[in-house]
Protein backbone atom coordinates (compact mmCIF):
# COMPACT_ATOMS: atom_id res chain seq x y z
CA MET A 1 21.39 -18.37 -14.39
CA SER A 2 19.13 -15.76 -12.80
CA HIS A 3 15.71 -16.45 -11.34
CA GLN A 4 12.88 -14.07 -11.99
CA ALA A 5 10.22 -13.69 -9.34
CA THR A 6 6.85 -14.67 -10.66
CA ALA A 7 4.19 -12.09 -9.97
CA PRO A 8 1.22 -13.46 -8.05
CA SER A 9 -1.75 -13.95 -10.36
CA ALA A 10 -3.76 -11.29 -8.52
CA TRP A 11 -1.17 -8.69 -9.62
CA VAL A 12 -0.76 -9.85 -13.24
CA GLY A 13 -2.29 -7.55 -15.83
CA ALA A 14 -2.36 -4.47 -13.63
CA PRO A 15 -0.27 -1.62 -15.03
CA ASP A 16 3.10 -1.47 -13.25
CA GLU A 17 2.76 2.28 -12.71
CA ALA A 18 -0.65 1.84 -11.08
CA VAL A 19 0.62 -0.91 -8.77
CA GLU A 20 3.66 1.17 -7.81
CA ALA A 21 1.45 4.20 -7.07
CA LEU A 22 -0.91 2.01 -5.01
CA LEU A 23 1.97 0.60 -2.97
CA ARG A 24 3.46 4.08 -2.43
CA ARG A 25 0.07 5.35 -1.21
CA GLY A 26 -0.18 2.37 1.13
CA GLN A 27 3.33 2.90 2.46
CA GLU A 28 2.62 6.57 3.11
CA SER A 29 -0.68 5.95 4.90
CA GLY A 30 0.22 2.56 6.38
CA SER A 31 -2.89 0.91 4.97
CA LEU A 32 -5.07 0.33 1.92
CA THR A 33 -8.69 -0.71 1.65
CA VAL A 34 -9.84 -3.69 -0.37
CA ASP A 35 -11.68 -1.27 -2.67
CA GLU A 36 -8.46 0.68 -3.34
CA VAL A 37 -6.56 -2.51 -4.15
CA LEU A 38 -9.29 -3.98 -6.35
CA GLY A 39 -9.65 -0.65 -8.16
CA VAL A 40 -6.10 -1.12 -9.44
CA LEU A 41 -5.90 -4.89 -9.77
CA ARG A 42 -9.38 -5.44 -11.21
CA VAL A 43 -9.49 -9.10 -10.24
CA GLU A 44 -12.28 -11.24 -8.90
CA LEU A 45 -11.86 -11.47 -5.15
CA THR A 46 -11.29 -15.13 -4.35
CA ARG A 47 -9.61 -16.72 -1.34
CA GLU A 48 -6.48 -17.24 -3.40
CA SER A 49 -6.34 -13.69 -4.80
CA LEU A 50 -7.01 -12.25 -1.33
CA ARG A 51 -4.18 -14.38 0.10
CA GLU A 52 -1.82 -13.14 -2.61
CA ILE A 53 -2.84 -9.53 -2.01
CA ARG A 54 -2.35 -9.88 1.74
CA GLU A 55 1.09 -11.47 1.28
CA ARG A 56 2.29 -8.68 -1.01
CA LEU A 57 0.98 -5.96 1.27
CA ASP A 58 2.51 -7.68 4.31
CA GLU A 59 5.87 -7.67 2.52
CA GLU A 60 5.48 -3.92 2.06
CA ARG A 61 4.28 -3.50 5.68
CA ILE A 62 0.91 -2.21 4.52
CA GLU A 63 -2.25 -3.11 6.44
CA LEU A 64 -5.20 -4.31 4.35
CA ILE A 65 -8.44 -2.84 5.66
CA GLU A 66 -11.27 -5.22 4.89
CA GLU A 67 -14.27 -3.15 5.88
CA VAL A 68 -17.65 -3.76 4.35
CA ASP A 69 -19.65 -0.78 3.17
CA PRO A 70 -22.84 -0.69 5.31
CA ALA A 71 -24.88 0.24 2.23
CA GLU A 72 -23.79 -2.99 0.53
CA VAL A 73 -24.78 -5.02 3.59
CA ASP A 74 -28.26 -3.43 3.52
CA VAL A 75 -28.69 -4.32 -0.17
CA ILE A 76 -27.59 -7.93 0.42
CA ALA A 77 -29.80 -8.29 3.50
CA GLU A 78 -32.79 -6.89 1.63
CA ALA A 79 -32.23 -9.28 -1.28
CA ASP A 80 -32.09 -12.21 1.15
CA LEU A 81 -35.50 -11.25 2.51
CA HIS A 82 -37.19 -11.61 -0.89
């Protein structure tokens, strides 16, 4: 009886070709940004999905760059002031 690996929920629903291309790009550059990953996976970023993403990228020896766009910070900070 063979066991099939269950895909983490963060990766379910993303086209296989898109995930493969994303992982190849990450392997070539050594890293991927959160925006690049979410552009392919199209999942809500939760602690669990982020953990799953990190685990998969770690397996592939790809660094996940979790930078925040300064423009987004300005918009959030401005909204907090009102």
